[in-house]
Amino acid sequence: MKARVHVFLKEGVLDPQGKAVASALQTLGFEEVLSVRQGKFFDIETSSLPKGANEERLKEYCKKLLANPVIENFKVEVIEP
């Protein structure tokens, strides 16, 4: 299975890196940029799992390691079953 996991900050959580990127873009002449929120993604390849278990297993990865549930949300996307 191939999958992509997107991890991003929850609304209301301060994002200093996003603010720095937005400021830098504006300084470079991109005045239309109002705000930036940064995140991360993981491309994951695994051995086969029982049918229907892919998404739940990916969520377990997120809850145990890839995302901090206090400040981050995540979205899992199975690319190839």
N, C-alpha and C. Protein backbone atom coordinates (compact mmCIF):
# COMPACT_ATOMS: atom_id res chain seq x y z
N MET A 1 0.84 -1.17 0.00
CA MET A 1 0.00 0.00 0.00
C MET A 1 0.88 1.23 0.00
N LYS A 2 0.45 2.24 -0.72
CA LYS A 2 1.10 3.55 -0.69
C LYS A 2 0.09 4.56 -0.18
N ALA A 3 0.57 5.45 0.67
CA ALA A 3 -0.34 6.44 1.26
C ALA A 3 0.40 7.74 1.50
N ARG A 4 -0.37 8.80 1.67
CA ARG A 4 0.16 10.10 2.05
C ARG A 4 -0.61 10.56 3.27
N VAL A 5 0.11 11.02 4.27
CA VAL A 5 -0.49 11.55 5.49
C VAL A 5 -0.15 13.03 5.58
N HIS A 6 -1.18 13.86 5.70
CA HIS A 6 -1.02 15.30 5.86
C HIS A 6 -1.23 15.62 7.34
N VAL A 7 -0.30 16.39 7.91
CA VAL A 7 -0.40 16.81 9.31
C VAL A 7 -0.35 18.34 9.31
N PHE A 8 -1.30 18.96 10.01
CA PHE A 8 -1.37 20.41 10.02
C PHE A 8 -1.85 20.89 11.37
N LEU A 9 -1.46 22.13 11.70
CA LEU A 9 -1.83 22.70 12.99
C LEU A 9 -3.32 22.95 13.08
N LYS A 10 -3.87 22.76 14.26
CA LYS A 10 -5.28 23.04 14.49
C LYS A 10 -5.50 24.56 14.42
N GLU A 11 -6.74 24.93 14.08
CA GLU A 11 -7.10 26.35 14.09
C GLU A 11 -6.87 26.90 15.50
N GLY A 12 -6.37 28.10 15.57
CA GLY A 12 -6.15 28.74 16.86
C GLY A 12 -4.76 28.49 17.44
N VAL A 13 -4.03 27.53 16.89
CA VAL A 13 -2.66 27.28 17.36
C VAL A 13 -1.73 28.24 16.62
N LEU A 14 -0.91 28.94 17.37
CA LEU A 14 0.02 29.89 16.76
C LEU A 14 0.98 29.16 15.83
N ASP A 15 1.30 29.81 14.71
CA ASP A 15 2.16 29.21 13.70
C ASP A 15 3.28 30.19 13.34
N PRO A 16 4.33 30.29 14.17
CA PRO A 16 5.39 31.26 13.90
C PRO A 16 6.11 31.01 12.58
N GLN A 17 6.26 29.76 12.17
CA GLN A 17 6.92 29.48 10.89
C GLN A 17 6.05 29.98 9.74
N GLY A 18 4.76 29.76 9.82
CA GLY A 18 3.85 30.26 8.79
C GLY A 18 3.88 31.77 8.71
N LYS A 19 3.92 32.44 9.86
CA LYS A 19 3.98 33.91 9.88
C LYS A 19 5.28 34.39 9.23
N ALA A 20 6.40 33.71 9.53
CA ALA A 20 7.69 34.09 8.95
C ALA A 20 7.68 33.93 7.43
N VAL A 21 7.08 32.84 6.95
CA VAL A 21 7.01 32.61 5.50
C VAL A 21 6.13 33.68 4.85
N ALA A 22 4.99 33.98 5.45
CA ALA A 22 4.10 35.01 4.90
C ALA A 22 4.82 36.36 4.83
N SER A 23 5.53 36.69 5.89
CA SER A 23 6.26 37.96 5.93
C SER A 23 7.34 37.99 4.85
N ALA A 24 8.07 36.88 4.68
CA ALA A 24 9.13 36.81 3.67
C ALA A 24 8.54 36.96 2.26
N LEU A 25 7.42 36.30 2.01
CA LEU A 25 6.78 36.42 0.69
C LEU A 25 6.36 37.86 0.41
N GLN A 26 5.81 38.53 1.42
CA GLN A 26 5.41 39.93 1.25
C GLN A 26 6.63 40.81 0.99
N THR A 27 7.72 40.55 1.71
CA THR A 27 8.96 41.30 1.52
C THR A 27 9.51 41.11 0.11
N LEU A 28 9.30 39.93 -0.46
CA LEU A 28 9.77 39.64 -1.82
C LEU A 28 8.85 40.20 -2.90
N GLY A 29 7.82 40.93 -2.48
CA GLY A 29 6.95 41.58 -3.45
C GLY A 29 5.63 40.89 -3.70
N PHE A 30 5.34 39.84 -2.97
CA PHE A 30 4.07 39.13 -3.13
C PHE A 30 3.06 39.67 -2.12
N GLU A 31 2.64 40.91 -2.34
CA GLU A 31 1.78 41.61 -1.39
C GLU A 31 0.42 40.95 -1.23
N GLU A 32 0.00 40.14 -2.19
CA GLU A 32 -1.32 39.50 -2.11
C GLU A 32 -1.39 38.41 -1.04
N VAL A 33 -0.25 37.96 -0.54
CA VAL A 33 -0.23 36.91 0.48
C VAL A 33 -0.73 37.49 1.80
N LEU A 34 -1.82 36.93 2.30
CA LEU A 34 -2.40 37.42 3.56
C LEU A 34 -1.93 36.60 4.75
N SER A 35 -1.82 35.28 4.58
CA SER A 35 -1.35 34.43 5.67
C SER A 35 -0.88 33.09 5.11
N VAL A 36 -0.09 32.41 5.90
CA VAL A 36 0.43 31.08 5.55
C VAL A 36 0.33 30.21 6.78
N ARG A 37 -0.13 28.98 6.61
CA ARG A 37 -0.12 27.98 7.69
C ARG A 37 0.78 26.84 7.19
N GLN A 38 1.76 26.48 7.95
CA GLN A 38 2.67 25.42 7.54
C GLN A 38 2.18 24.06 8.05
N GLY A 39 2.63 23.02 7.41
CA GLY A 39 2.29 21.66 7.80
C GLY A 39 3.37 20.71 7.30
N LYS A 40 3.06 19.46 7.30
CA LYS A 40 4.02 18.46 6.81
C LYS A 40 3.24 17.29 6.24
N PHE A 41 3.91 16.50 5.42
CA PHE A 41 3.28 15.29 4.93
C PHE A 41 4.28 14.16 4.90
N PHE A 42 3.76 12.96 4.97
CA PHE A 42 4.57 11.76 4.95
C PHE A 42 4.07 10.87 3.82
N ASP A 43 4.98 10.42 2.96
CA ASP A 43 4.65 9.39 1.98
C ASP A 43 5.06 8.07 2.60
N ILE A 44 4.12 7.15 2.70
CA ILE A 44 4.35 5.89 3.40
C ILE A 44 4.06 4.73 2.46
N GLU A 45 4.94 3.75 2.47
CA GLU A 45 4.71 2.52 1.71
C GLU A 45 4.78 1.36 2.70
N THR A 46 3.78 0.48 2.67
CA THR A 46 3.73 -0.65 3.61
C THR A 46 3.48 -1.94 2.86
N SER A 47 3.67 -3.03 3.57
CA SER A 47 3.25 -4.32 3.02
C SER A 47 1.73 -4.37 3.05
N SER A 48 1.16 -5.34 2.40
CA SER A 48 -0.30 -5.40 2.31
C SER A 48 -0.93 -5.66 3.67
N LEU A 49 -2.12 -5.10 3.85
CA LEU A 49 -2.91 -5.27 5.07
C LEU A 49 -4.23 -5.92 4.67
N PRO A 50 -4.95 -6.47 5.64
CA PRO A 50 -6.26 -7.04 5.32
C PRO A 50 -7.17 -5.98 4.68
N LYS A 51 -8.01 -6.40 3.78
CA LYS A 51 -8.90 -5.48 3.07
C LYS A 51 -9.69 -4.60 4.05
N GLY A 52 -9.69 -3.31 3.81
CA GLY A 52 -10.42 -2.37 4.65
C GLY A 52 -9.65 -1.88 5.86
N ALA A 53 -8.45 -2.38 6.10
CA ALA A 53 -7.70 -2.00 7.30
C ALA A 53 -6.71 -0.86 7.05
N ASN A 54 -6.50 -0.49 5.79
CA ASN A 54 -5.47 0.49 5.46
C ASN A 54 -5.65 1.83 6.18
N GLU A 55 -6.82 2.42 6.05
CA GLU A 55 -7.04 3.75 6.62
C GLU A 55 -6.96 3.74 8.15
N GLU A 56 -7.52 2.73 8.78
CA GLU A 56 -7.46 2.65 10.24
C GLU A 56 -6.02 2.49 10.72
N ARG A 57 -5.24 1.70 10.00
CA ARG A 57 -3.84 1.50 10.38
C ARG A 57 -3.06 2.81 10.26
N LEU A 58 -3.31 3.55 9.19
CA LEU A 58 -2.65 4.84 9.01
C LEU A 58 -3.02 5.80 10.13
N LYS A 59 -4.26 5.79 10.55
CA LYS A 59 -4.69 6.64 11.66
C LYS A 59 -3.95 6.28 12.94
N GLU A 60 -3.69 4.99 13.13
CA GLU A 60 -2.91 4.56 14.30
C GLU A 60 -1.51 5.15 14.25
N TYR A 61 -0.88 5.15 13.06
CA TYR A 61 0.45 5.74 12.91
C TYR A 61 0.42 7.19 13.39
N CYS A 62 -0.61 7.91 12.96
CA CYS A 62 -0.72 9.33 13.30
C CYS A 62 -0.90 9.54 14.78
N LYS A 63 -1.80 8.79 15.38
CA LYS A 63 -2.11 8.96 16.79
C LYS A 63 -0.93 8.61 17.69
N LYS A 64 -0.10 7.66 17.25
CA LYS A 64 1.00 7.21 18.09
C LYS A 64 2.32 7.93 17.82
N LEU A 65 2.50 8.50 16.61
CA LEU A 65 3.81 9.07 16.31
C LEU A 65 3.78 10.30 15.41
N LEU A 66 3.06 10.26 14.31
CA LEU A 66 3.22 11.28 13.28
C LEU A 66 2.61 12.63 13.61
N ALA A 67 1.57 12.66 14.44
CA ALA A 67 0.90 13.92 14.78
C ALA A 67 0.80 14.08 16.29
N ASN A 68 0.86 15.32 16.73
CA ASN A 68 0.63 15.63 18.14
C ASN A 68 -0.84 15.99 18.27
N PRO A 69 -1.66 15.11 18.84
CA PRO A 69 -3.10 15.34 18.86
C PRO A 69 -3.55 16.57 19.65
N VAL A 70 -2.67 17.12 20.47
CA VAL A 70 -3.02 18.32 21.23
C VAL A 70 -3.07 19.55 20.32
N ILE A 71 -2.15 19.64 19.37
CA ILE A 71 -2.06 20.84 18.53
C ILE A 71 -2.21 20.58 17.04
N GLU A 72 -2.27 19.31 16.62
CA GLU A 72 -2.30 19.01 15.19
C GLU A 72 -3.48 18.11 14.81
N ASN A 73 -3.97 18.30 13.60
CA ASN A 73 -4.92 17.41 12.96
C ASN A 73 -4.19 16.67 11.86
N PHE A 74 -4.82 15.63 11.34
CA PHE A 74 -4.21 14.91 10.23
C PHE A 74 -5.27 14.41 9.28
N LYS A 75 -4.83 14.11 8.06
CA LYS A 75 -5.69 13.54 7.04
C LYS A 75 -4.91 12.44 6.35
N VAL A 76 -5.50 11.27 6.22
CA VAL A 76 -4.82 10.16 5.55
C VAL A 76 -5.43 9.95 4.18
N GLU A 77 -4.58 9.58 3.23
CA GLU A 77 -5.00 9.40 1.85
C GLU A 77 -4.32 8.14 1.32
N VAL A 78 -5.08 7.10 1.04
CA VAL A 78 -4.53 5.89 0.45
C VAL A 78 -4.39 6.13 -1.05
N ILE A 79 -3.16 6.00 -1.56
CA ILE A 79 -2.90 6.24 -2.98
C ILE A 79 -3.07 4.96 -3.78
N GLU A 80 -2.49 3.89 -3.27
CA GLU A 80 -2.61 2.57 -3.91
C GLU A 80 -2.91 1.54 -2.83
N PRO A 81 -4.00 0.82 -2.98
CA PRO A 81 -4.32 -0.22 -1.97
C PRO A 81 -3.34 -1.38 -2.02
